Amino acid sequence: MKSTHYLHGGDLDAVSRTYHIERKEIWDFSGNINPFGISPKTREALKENIDLISTYPDRNYLSLREAAAKYSQTLPEHIIVGNGSTELIAMAINSLKPKKALVIGPTYSEYEREIVLLGGTCDYYPLKEAESFILSPEDLISTLTSGYTMLILCNPNNPTGTGVTADHLRQILEAAKRLGVFTMVDETYIEFCDDPALYTAVPLTKEFDNLMIIRGISKFFSAPGLRFGYSICQNEVIKASVTKLQNPWSINSLAAFSAEIMFTDKDYIQKTHRLISAERNRIYAELSQLKSLHVFKPIANFVLIKLLKDSISSFDLTHELIKDRILIRDASSFPFLSDRYIRFCFLKPEQNDILLLKLKNLITQNGAPFNSLDKGK
């Protein structure tokens, strides 16, 4: 059964209104956001520089672009900054105006939305559950021959938690270039990987002009409210077209200032890597032992799980857990996924322990308390 209350991951205000729970009481396992919150270095710097809100930012964001380039190990002239990754995705698609685009799914819905809004056709290339949602580059390349002008993939992919290696991305980009296909790679979750260098396409931007990478600070740096994202691309025509669509000063002074600080907070970055790596391995190992679940091995900071008991749906679990102020993601709204799938991210160990305990208790009960739910609603 599809949930009748579809909620975007991290939409705490909507959850608060729907379930009449105070926002601050909710443990958010749905938003895929770093549980440490904003970096301490950034927090202190913001306190001391709050008066920046009274000034205009640099219209060209030169210092910000240099900071983003240094952090991502690319060239400043390849950086485009924007008001969150969603704005950059929209502007890139608007610049390219693909008549026929291929999107790797299941994935983030914003890609399809933007393509359709511009009058294009969006087809999905479905990752195969039988192959643990791991992409076959050869099979994808054979699909690209069907007249597509744009390819979009999220790497690591949300919600499957799987990734495409840089070697496989090179294969895809070489084929896409031959076929005249522009490729967008969304690397929102790349920094959560144990070895980002194994998966990132950033070095490939120096070789391929049919490539744009999207990144941001919402997830890894726990700053979705600041609305800052950046893209990496060497194609001068595409960069000029995207920039032309952008409003002046689209990034506010505090966001621009904060992003520069975040990129330099090495202690915070290393602490996050240690936590996510340890919790990802622990949770995957623990849940994989349960016969009533199938856990897809993740490489980012969240995990996709299939419920194997017919008596329990994704709606059942999200409904029961929210009673305890625990919010996970009902993944049934993603393309190709049904009401048998849930997704949740990794928070701090003590929070993860409580979620695991409650999850185990719910799925090991013989239908109760789910029999009491009104399935018609």
Foldseek 3Di string as FASTA:
>chain_A
DDDPQADQQPPLVSVCVVVVHDSVLFDGQRNLAAQVAADPQLVVVCVVPVCLLVDFDDQQLQVLLVLVCVLVVHDSVQKDKFQALLLVLLLLCVLVLWQEEEEEDLADPSNVVSNVVSVHHYHYDYQDVVVLSEDDLVVVLVVLLPDTAEYEYEAVGPPSQDGDFLVSVVVNQVSCVVNNHAYEYEDAFLLLFLDSNRGDNQVVLVPGQSYKYKYFCCHHNVCVVQRMIMMGHDNPSSVVSSVVPDDGSNHGSSSSVSSSSRSPSVVSSVVSNVQQVVQLVVVCVVVCVDPQKDWRRHRGFKTKIFGNDPLDFLNNVQVVVVVVSYHWHQPCVGPPRHRRMTMTGDHGPVVVVVVVVVVVVVSPPPNPPVVPDDPVD
